[in-house]
Amino acid sequence: MIKRIAVFLMILSLSACTAQQIQSTLDTLGGGQGLTTSEIASGLKQALELGIGEGAQRLSQKDGYFKSAYKILLPPEARKVTDKLKNVPGFTEVEDIVLEKINRGAEDAAKKAKPIFVDAIKQMTFSDALDILMGEDNAATQYLNRTTNDKLYQEFNPVIIESLDKFNARDYWADAVNAYNKIPFVEKANPDLDDYVTREALNGLFSMVEKKEKQIRTDISSRTTDLLKKVFAKQDNK
């Protein structure tokens, strides 16, 4: 136990260590077997790629968003629109219809999510690898979210828009909002749902990745490659 605490304290100060000192610490953790920063980074990237692949695959199936814990709901301001339109001919079921359309759009977009995420993962540097490995159960996912979310948004937003248009979601919602805006004395609503749906779809994907990361960290049987077994065995002893 004392030895592990000492090693952990060394890891906390790795930013001030030389490459040789870092490798020495890793050798101590690995019981002399050795574990390079390159292996750590590769193992973390592999875990994230598995999470993304599994998450995108599940969410891209029919009802992957719509009938799951990741269902995209309407924002509060949109509910004001749907509540008012329930008595307007042609829009009595507007909430149910638009909910299905935006979730179908997110499911369709999820099919194209993996390469966008994987490209972002490749940008992970070695300098953060140790902190992530020895961090919380969702440390790698949070790192990915924190460092790539804006870039992912810029790349994923056009994909969401294309998918929403495939299901006529944006035109339908614009028609509903325009009908709402004609009601006397209401505060005018914004018909743009693109930003909201994009962010909610990304949140769902990050949640799936986080779930997979935690599984790999805590369930040895989930480490399906030699690299995952080698890398995550080290965080078992933290």
C-alpha atoms as a PDB file:
ATOM      1  CA  MET A   1       0.000   0.000   0.000  1.00  0.00           C
ATOM      2  CA  ILE A   2       2.780   2.451   0.953  1.00  0.00           C
ATOM      3  CA  LYS A   3       4.549   1.638  -2.283  1.00  0.00           C
ATOM      4  CA  ARG A   4       1.398   2.384  -4.305  1.00  0.00           C
ATOM      5  CA  ILE A   5       0.891   5.703  -2.544  1.00  0.00           C
ATOM      6  CA  ALA A   6       4.475   6.682  -3.267  1.00  0.00           C
ATOM      7  CA  VAL A   7       4.085   5.771  -6.924  1.00  0.00           C
ATOM      8  CA  PHE A   8       0.820   7.716  -7.145  1.00  0.00           C
ATOM      9  CA  LEU A   9       2.491  10.820  -5.721  1.00  0.00           C
ATOM     10  CA  MET A  10       5.209  10.461  -8.321  1.00  0.00           C
ATOM     11  CA  ILE A  11       2.590  10.375 -11.058  1.00  0.00           C
ATOM     12  CA  LEU A  12       1.050  13.618  -9.809  1.00  0.00           C
ATOM     13  CA  SER A  13       4.354  15.373 -10.425  1.00  0.00           C
ATOM     14  CA  LEU A  14       5.173  13.786 -13.781  1.00  0.00           C
ATOM     15  CA  SER A  15       4.957  17.121 -15.570  1.00  0.00           C
ATOM     16  CA  ALA A  16       8.283  17.997 -13.976  1.00  0.00           C
ATOM     17  CA  CYS A  17       9.933  14.633 -14.689  1.00  0.00           C
ATOM     18  CA  THR A  18      12.218  13.528 -17.472  1.00  0.00           C
ATOM     19  CA  ALA A  19      11.185  10.860 -19.948  1.00  0.00           C
ATOM     20  CA  GLN A  20      13.460   8.389 -18.152  1.00  0.00           C
ATOM     21  CA  GLN A  21      11.829   9.157 -14.796  1.00  0.00           C
ATOM     22  CA  ILE A  22       8.379   8.745 -16.304  1.00  0.00           C
ATOM     23  CA  GLN A  23       9.297   5.374 -17.747  1.00  0.00           C
ATOM     24  CA  SER A  24      10.815   4.336 -14.420  1.00  0.00           C
ATOM     25  CA  THR A  25       7.532   5.117 -12.695  1.00  0.00           C
ATOM     26  CA  LEU A  26       5.634   3.142 -15.300  1.00  0.00           C
ATOM     27  CA  ASP A  27       7.964   0.201 -14.829  1.00  0.00           C
ATOM     28  CA  THR A  28       7.247   0.322 -11.099  1.00  0.00           C
ATOM     29  CA  LEU A  29       3.516   0.272 -11.750  1.00  0.00           C
ATOM     30  CA  GLY A  30       3.910  -2.529 -14.225  1.00  0.00           C
ATOM     31  CA  GLY A  31       5.965  -4.696 -11.945  1.00  0.00           C
ATOM     32  CA  GLY A  32       8.958  -4.403 -14.245  1.00  0.00           C
ATOM     33  CA  GLN A  33       7.019  -5.305 -17.393  1.00  0.00           C
ATOM     34  CA  GLY A  34       7.131  -1.693 -18.620  1.00  0.00           C
ATOM     35  CA  LEU A  35       4.431   0.417 -20.186  1.00  0.00           C
ATOM     36  CA  THR A  36       5.256   3.279 -22.513  1.00  0.00           C
ATOM     37  CA  THR A  37       3.371   6.533 -22.814  1.00  0.00           C
ATOM     38  CA  SER A  38       2.678   5.525 -26.402  1.00  0.00           C
ATOM     39  CA  GLU A  39       0.985   2.323 -25.232  1.00  0.00           C
ATOM     40  CA  ILE A  40      -1.066   4.228 -22.662  1.00  0.00           C
ATOM     41  CA  ALA A  41      -2.255   6.749 -25.240  1.00  0.00           C
ATOM     42  CA  SER A  42      -2.988   3.984 -27.751  1.00  0.00           C
ATOM     43  CA  GLY A  43      -4.914   1.995 -25.156  1.00  0.00           C
ATOM     44  CA  LEU A  44      -7.026   4.981 -24.162  1.00  0.00           C
ATOM     45  CA  LYS A  45      -7.733   5.809 -27.796  1.00  0.00           C
ATOM     46  CA  GLN A  46      -8.702   2.201 -28.435  1.00  0.00           C
ATOM     47  CA  ALA A  47     -11.102   2.256 -25.487  1.00  0.00           C
ATOM     48  CA  LEU A  48     -12.695   5.461 -26.766  1.00  0.00           C
ATOM     49  CA  GLU A  49     -12.958   4.096 -30.294  1.00  0.00           C
ATOM     50  CA  LEU A  50     -14.704   0.999 -28.975  1.00  0.00           C
ATOM     51  CA  GLY A  51     -17.093   3.196 -27.022  1.00  0.00           C
ATOM     52  CA  ILE A  52     -17.787   5.352 -30.040  1.00  0.00           C
ATOM     53  CA  GLY A  53     -18.273   2.378 -32.333  1.00  0.00           C
ATOM     54  CA  GLU A  54     -20.678   0.715 -29.935  1.00  0.00           C
ATOM     55  CA  GLY A  55     -22.462   3.955 -29.116  1.00  0.00           C
ATOM     56  CA  ALA A  56     -22.883   5.047 -32.720  1.00  0.00           C
ATOM     57  CA  GLN A  57     -24.052   1.567 -33.715  1.00  0.00           C
ATOM     58  CA  ARG A  58     -26.717   1.434 -31.006  1.00  0.00           C
ATOM     59  CA  LEU A  59     -27.921   5.000 -31.433  1.00  0.00           C
ATOM     60  CA  SER A  60     -28.094   4.698 -35.231  1.00  0.00           C
ATOM     61  CA  GLN A  61     -30.599   1.857 -35.034  1.00  0.00           C
ATOM     62  CA  LYS A  62     -34.293   2.634 -35.283  1.00  0.00           C
ATOM     63  CA  ASP A  63     -35.433   3.944 -31.892  1.00  0.00           C
ATOM     64  CA  GLY A  64     -31.792   4.186 -30.796  1.00  0.00           C
ATOM     65  CA  TYR A  65     -32.586   7.687 -29.611  1.00  0.00           C
ATOM     66  CA  PHE A  66     -36.367   7.820 -29.867  1.00  0.00           C
ATOM     67  CA  LYS A  67     -37.178   4.942 -27.533  1.00  0.00           C
ATOM     68  CA  SER A  68     -34.176   4.928 -25.239  1.00  0.00           C
ATOM     69  CA  ALA A  69     -32.740   6.779 -22.275  1.00  0.00           C
ATOM     70  CA  TYR A  70     -31.081   9.107 -24.814  1.00  0.00           C
ATOM     71  CA  LYS A  71     -34.324  10.332 -26.357  1.00  0.00           C
ATOM     72  CA  ILE A  72     -34.064  13.956 -27.436  1.00  0.00           C
ATOM     73  CA  LEU A  73     -36.887  15.957 -25.866  1.00  0.00           C
ATOM     74  CA  LEU A  74     -38.089  19.379 -26.912  1.00  0.00           C
ATOM     75  CA  PRO A  75     -36.526  22.351 -25.120  1.00  0.00           C
ATOM     76  CA  PRO A  76     -38.835  24.299 -22.763  1.00  0.00           C
ATOM     77  CA  GLU A  77     -39.286  27.151 -25.248  1.00  0.00           C
ATOM     78  CA  ALA A  78     -40.448  24.682 -27.878  1.00  0.00           C
ATOM     79  CA  ARG A  79     -43.029  23.247 -25.489  1.00  0.00           C
ATOM     80  CA  LYS A  80     -44.655  26.673 -25.364  1.00  0.00           C
ATOM     81  CA  VAL A  81     -45.202  26.381 -29.101  1.00  0.00           C
ATOM     82  CA  THR A  82     -46.602  22.850 -29.057  1.00  0.00           C
ATOM     83  CA  ASP A  83     -48.930  23.574 -26.128  1.00  0.00           C
ATOM     84  CA  LYS A  84     -50.448  26.528 -27.968  1.00  0.00           C
ATOM     85  CA  LEU A  85     -50.827  24.632 -31.235  1.00  0.00           C
ATOM     86  CA  LYS A  86     -52.770  21.682 -29.812  1.00  0.00           C
ATOM     87  CA  ASN A  87     -56.026  23.421 -30.734  1.00  0.00           C
ATOM     88  CA  VAL A  88     -54.863  24.652 -34.150  1.00  0.00           C
ATOM     89  CA  PRO A  89     -56.068  22.489 -37.087  1.00  0.00           C
ATOM     90  CA  GLY A  90     -53.212  20.640 -38.728  1.00  0.00           C
ATOM     91  CA  PHE A  91     -50.966  20.886 -35.668  1.00  0.00           C
ATOM     92  CA  THR A  92     -52.882  19.029 -32.958  1.00  0.00           C
ATOM     93  CA  GLU A  93     -50.183  16.331 -32.768  1.00  0.00           C
ATOM     94  CA  VAL A  94     -47.260  18.626 -33.469  1.00  0.00           C
ATOM     95  CA  GLU A  95     -45.224  17.600 -30.409  1.00  0.00           C
ATOM     96  CA  ASP A  96     -45.382  13.873 -31.104  1.00  0.00           C
ATOM     97  CA  ILE A  97     -44.587  14.398 -34.763  1.00  0.00           C
ATOM     98  CA  VAL A  98     -41.631  16.733 -34.271  1.00  0.00           C
ATOM     99  CA  LEU A  99     -40.203  14.570 -31.464  1.00  0.00           C
ATOM    100  CA  GLU A 100     -40.129  11.541 -33.726  1.00  0.00           C
ATOM    101  CA  LYS A 101     -38.669  13.526 -36.618  1.00  0.00           C
ATOM    102  CA  ILE A 102     -35.776  15.033 -34.647  1.00  0.00           C
ATOM    103  CA  ASN A 103     -34.922  11.697 -33.034  1.00  0.00           C
ATOM    104  CA  ARG A 104     -35.011   9.936 -36.402  1.00  0.00           C
ATOM    105  CA  GLY A 105     -32.683  12.629 -37.691  1.00  0.00           C
ATOM    106  CA  ALA A 106     -30.277  12.049 -34.800  1.00  0.00           C
ATOM    107  CA  GLU A 107     -30.376   8.286 -35.401  1.00  0.00           C
ATOM    108  CA  ASP A 108     -29.538   8.818 -39.050  1.00  0.00           C
ATOM    109  CA  ALA A 109     -26.698  11.213 -38.192  1.00  0.00           C
ATOM    110  CA  ALA A 110     -25.238   8.747 -35.674  1.00  0.00           C
ATOM    111  CA  LYS A 111     -24.375   6.455 -38.600  1.00  0.00           C
ATOM    112  CA  LYS A 112     -21.820   9.043 -39.693  1.00  0.00           C
ATOM    113  CA  ALA A 113     -20.565   9.939 -36.232  1.00  0.00           C
ATOM    114  CA  LYS A 114     -17.785   7.382 -35.762  1.00  0.00           C
ATOM    115  CA  PRO A 115     -15.188   8.737 -38.216  1.00  0.00           C
ATOM    116  CA  ILE A 116     -15.747  12.287 -36.929  1.00  0.00           C
ATOM    117  CA  PHE A 117     -15.118  11.166 -33.336  1.00  0.00           C
ATOM    118  CA  VAL A 118     -12.210   8.886 -34.219  1.00  0.00           C
ATOM    119  CA  ASP A 119     -10.460  11.731 -36.017  1.00  0.00           C
ATOM    120  CA  ALA A 120     -10.813  13.836 -32.876  1.00  0.00           C
ATOM    121  CA  ILE A 121      -9.452  11.016 -30.696  1.00  0.00           C
ATOM    122  CA  LYS A 122      -6.287  10.874 -32.808  1.00  0.00           C
ATOM    123  CA  GLN A 123      -5.480  14.385 -31.616  1.00  0.00           C
ATOM    124  CA  MET A 124      -5.055  13.178 -28.010  1.00  0.00           C
ATOM    125  CA  THR A 125      -1.506  13.894 -26.850  1.00  0.00           C
ATOM    126  CA  PHE A 126       0.735  11.693 -24.716  1.00  0.00           C
ATOM    127  CA  SER A 127       1.103  14.397 -22.084  1.00  0.00           C
ATOM    128  CA  ASP A 128      -2.422  13.829 -20.778  1.00  0.00           C
ATOM    129  CA  ALA A 129      -2.329  10.031 -21.042  1.00  0.00           C
ATOM    130  CA  LEU A 130      -1.145   9.210 -17.520  1.00  0.00           C
ATOM    131  CA  ASP A 131      -3.550  11.564 -15.768  1.00  0.00           C
ATOM    132  CA  ILE A 132      -6.406  10.081 -17.778  1.00  0.00           C
ATOM    133  CA  LEU A 133      -5.386   6.471 -17.114  1.00  0.00           C
ATOM    134  CA  MET A 134      -5.155   7.028 -13.379  1.00  0.00           C
ATOM    135  CA  GLY A 135      -8.219   9.276 -13.263  1.00  0.00           C
ATOM    136  CA  GLU A 136     -11.931   8.710 -12.713  1.00  0.00           C
ATOM    137  CA  ASP A 137     -13.986   6.076 -14.515  1.00  0.00           C
ATOM    138  CA  ASN A 138     -14.949   8.618 -17.169  1.00  0.00           C
ATOM    139  CA  ALA A 139     -11.660  10.530 -17.376  1.00  0.00           C
ATOM    140  CA  ALA A 140     -10.969   9.715 -21.029  1.00  0.00           C
ATOM    141  CA  THR A 141     -14.514  10.577 -22.116  1.00  0.00           C
ATOM    142  CA  GLN A 142     -14.424  13.857 -20.210  1.00  0.00           C
ATOM    143  CA  TYR A 143     -11.065  14.680 -21.799  1.00  0.00           C
ATOM    144  CA  LEU A 144     -12.511  14.016 -25.254  1.00  0.00           C
ATOM    145  CA  ASN A 145     -15.589  16.110 -24.458  1.00  0.00           C
ATOM    146  CA  ARG A 146     -13.574  18.964 -23.020  1.00  0.00           C
ATOM    147  CA  THR A 147     -10.962  19.192 -25.758  1.00  0.00           C
ATOM    148  CA  THR A 148     -12.922  18.306 -28.904  1.00  0.00           C
ATOM    149  CA  ASN A 149     -16.564  19.215 -28.309  1.00  0.00           C
ATOM    150  CA  ASP A 150     -16.448  22.472 -30.271  1.00  0.00           C
ATOM    151  CA  LYS A 151     -14.710  20.854 -33.215  1.00  0.00           C
ATOM    152  CA  LEU A 152     -17.067  17.901 -33.133  1.00  0.00           C
ATOM    153  CA  TYR A 153     -20.016  20.280 -33.084  1.00  0.00           C
ATOM    154  CA  GLN A 154     -18.761  22.100 -36.191  1.00  0.00           C
ATOM    155  CA  GLU A 155     -18.382  18.805 -38.051  1.00  0.00           C
ATOM    156  CA  PHE A 156     -21.482  17.095 -36.701  1.00  0.00           C
ATOM    157  CA  ASN A 157     -23.913  20.007 -37.120  1.00  0.00           C
ATOM    158  CA  PRO A 158     -24.078  19.749 -40.949  1.00  0.00           C
ATOM    159  CA  VAL A 159     -24.628  16.001 -40.611  1.00  0.00           C
ATOM    160  CA  ILE A 160     -27.543  16.628 -38.243  1.00  0.00           C
ATOM    161  CA  ILE A 161     -29.023  19.248 -40.573  1.00  0.00           C
ATOM    162  CA  GLU A 162     -28.797  16.856 -43.526  1.00  0.00           C
ATOM    163  CA  SER A 163     -30.481  14.105 -41.515  1.00  0.00           C
ATOM    164  CA  LEU A 164     -33.208  16.410 -40.168  1.00  0.00           C
ATOM    165  CA  ASP A 165     -33.962  17.494 -43.727  1.00  0.00           C
ATOM    166  CA  LYS A 166     -34.179  13.869 -44.808  1.00  0.00           C
ATOM    167  CA  PHE A 167     -37.110  13.490 -42.391  1.00  0.00           C
ATOM    168  CA  ASN A 168     -38.527  16.937 -43.194  1.00  0.00           C
ATOM    169  CA  ALA A 169     -38.086  17.890 -39.559  1.00  0.00           C
ATOM    170  CA  ARG A 170     -36.873  21.442 -40.044  1.00  0.00           C
ATOM    171  CA  ASP A 171     -39.565  22.406 -42.553  1.00  0.00           C
ATOM    172  CA  TYR A 172     -42.273  20.866 -40.397  1.00  0.00           C
ATOM    173  CA  TRP A 173     -41.074  22.696 -37.295  1.00  0.00           C
ATOM    174  CA  ALA A 174     -40.729  25.984 -39.192  1.00  0.00           C
ATOM    175  CA  ASP A 175     -44.334  25.645 -40.365  1.00  0.00           C
ATOM    176  CA  ALA A 176     -45.450  24.963 -36.787  1.00  0.00           C
ATOM    177  CA  VAL A 177     -43.563  27.950 -35.388  1.00  0.00           C
ATOM    178  CA  ASN A 178     -44.842  30.241 -38.126  1.00  0.00           C
ATOM    179  CA  ALA A 179     -48.398  29.156 -37.267  1.00  0.00           C
ATOM    180  CA  TYR A 180     -47.674  29.811 -33.593  1.00  0.00           C
ATOM    181  CA  ASN A 181     -46.225  33.257 -34.293  1.00  0.00           C
ATOM    182  CA  LYS A 182     -49.507  34.269 -35.929  1.00  0.00           C
ATOM    183  CA  ILE A 183     -51.399  33.738 -32.652  1.00  0.00           C
ATOM    184  CA  PRO A 184     -52.170  37.161 -31.127  1.00  0.00           C
ATOM    185  CA  PHE A 185     -50.151  38.338 -28.114  1.00  0.00           C
ATOM    186  CA  VAL A 186     -47.673  35.428 -28.032  1.00  0.00           C
ATOM    187  CA  GLU A 187     -43.944  35.988 -27.698  1.00  0.00           C
ATOM    188  CA  LYS A 188     -42.417  35.170 -31.062  1.00  0.00           C
ATOM    189  CA  ALA A 189     -40.535  31.861 -31.209  1.00  0.00           C
ATOM    190  CA  ASN A 190     -37.375  30.910 -33.093  1.00  0.00           C
ATOM    191  CA  PRO A 191     -37.986  28.086 -35.598  1.00  0.00           C
ATOM    192  CA  ASP A 192     -34.313  26.955 -35.517  1.00  0.00           C
ATOM    193  CA  LEU A 193     -33.825  23.573 -33.818  1.00  0.00           C
ATOM    194  CA  ASP A 194     -30.512  22.700 -35.473  1.00  0.00           C
ATOM    195  CA  ASP A 195     -28.245  23.812 -32.641  1.00  0.00           C
ATOM    196  CA  TYR A 196     -30.341  22.183 -29.943  1.00  0.00           C
ATOM    197  CA  VAL A 197     -30.678  18.820 -31.703  1.00  0.00           C
ATOM    198  CA  THR A 198     -26.944  18.751 -32.528  1.00  0.00           C
ATOM    199  CA  ARG A 199     -25.937  19.331 -28.914  1.00  0.00           C
ATOM    200  CA  GLU A 200     -28.410  16.783 -27.582  1.00  0.00           C
ATOM    201  CA  ALA A 201     -27.290  14.177 -30.133  1.00  0.00           C
ATOM    202  CA  LEU A 202     -23.657  14.741 -29.121  1.00  0.00           C
ATOM    203  CA  ASN A 203     -24.588  14.443 -25.442  1.00  0.00           C
ATOM    204  CA  GLY A 204     -26.139  11.063 -26.178  1.00  0.00           C
ATOM    205  CA  LEU A 205     -23.022   9.873 -27.979  1.00  0.00           C
ATOM    206  CA  PHE A 206     -20.722  11.063 -25.204  1.00  0.00           C
ATOM    207  CA  SER A 207     -22.926   9.278 -22.666  1.00  0.00           C
ATOM    208  CA  MET A 208     -22.589   6.015 -24.567  1.00  0.00           C
ATOM    209  CA  VAL A 209     -18.806   6.421 -24.797  1.00  0.00           C
ATOM    210  CA  GLU A 210     -18.638   7.143 -21.061  1.00  0.00           C
ATOM    211  CA  LYS A 211     -20.636   4.000 -20.325  1.00  0.00           C
ATOM    212  CA  LYS A 212     -18.251   1.885 -22.391  1.00  0.00           C
ATOM    213  CA  GLU A 213     -15.166   3.464 -20.827  1.00  0.00           C
ATOM    214  CA  LYS A 214     -16.431   2.724 -17.332  1.00  0.00           C
ATOM    215  CA  GLN A 215     -17.178  -0.851 -18.360  1.00  0.00           C
ATOM    216  CA  ILE A 216     -13.642  -1.352 -19.680  1.00  0.00           C
ATOM    217  CA  ARG A 217     -12.160   0.174 -16.532  1.00  0.00           C
ATOM    218  CA  THR A 218     -14.219  -1.898 -14.090  1.00  0.00           C
ATOM    219  CA  ASP A 219     -14.974  -5.143 -15.945  1.00  0.00           C
ATOM    220  CA  ILE A 220     -11.890  -7.105 -16.964  1.00  0.00           C
ATOM    221  CA  SER A 221     -13.906  -9.227 -19.404  1.00  0.00           C
ATOM    222  CA  SER A 222     -14.662  -6.065 -21.408  1.00  0.00           C
ATOM    223  CA  ARG A 223     -10.983  -5.642 -22.262  1.00  0.00           C
ATOM    224  CA  THR A 224     -11.159  -7.461 -25.555  1.00  0.00           C
ATOM    225  CA  THR A 225      -7.645  -6.768 -26.864  1.00  0.00           C
ATOM    226  CA  ASP A 226      -4.172  -7.422 -25.481  1.00  0.00           C
ATOM    227  CA  LEU A 227      -3.466  -3.691 -25.442  1.00  0.00           C
ATOM    228  CA  LEU A 228      -6.560  -2.918 -23.388  1.00  0.00           C
ATOM    229  CA  LYS A 229      -5.697  -5.689 -20.948  1.00  0.00           C
ATOM    230  CA  LYS A 230      -2.139  -4.432 -20.549  1.00  0.00           C
ATOM    231  CA  VAL A 231      -2.942  -0.742 -20.211  1.00  0.00           C
ATOM    232  CA  PHE A 232      -5.959  -0.933 -17.940  1.00  0.00           C
ATOM    233  CA  ALA A 233      -4.340  -3.510 -15.673  1.00  0.00           C
ATOM    234  CA  LYS A 234      -2.175  -0.631 -14.485  1.00  0.00           C
ATOM    235  CA  GLN A 235      -5.099   1.503 -13.353  1.00  0.00           C
ATOM    236  CA  ASP A 236      -6.468  -1.485 -11.425  1.00  0.00           C
ATOM    237  CA  ASN A 237      -3.578  -1.006  -9.002  1.00  0.00           C
ATOM    238  CA  LYS A 238      -3.914   2.727  -8.494  1.00  0.00           C
END
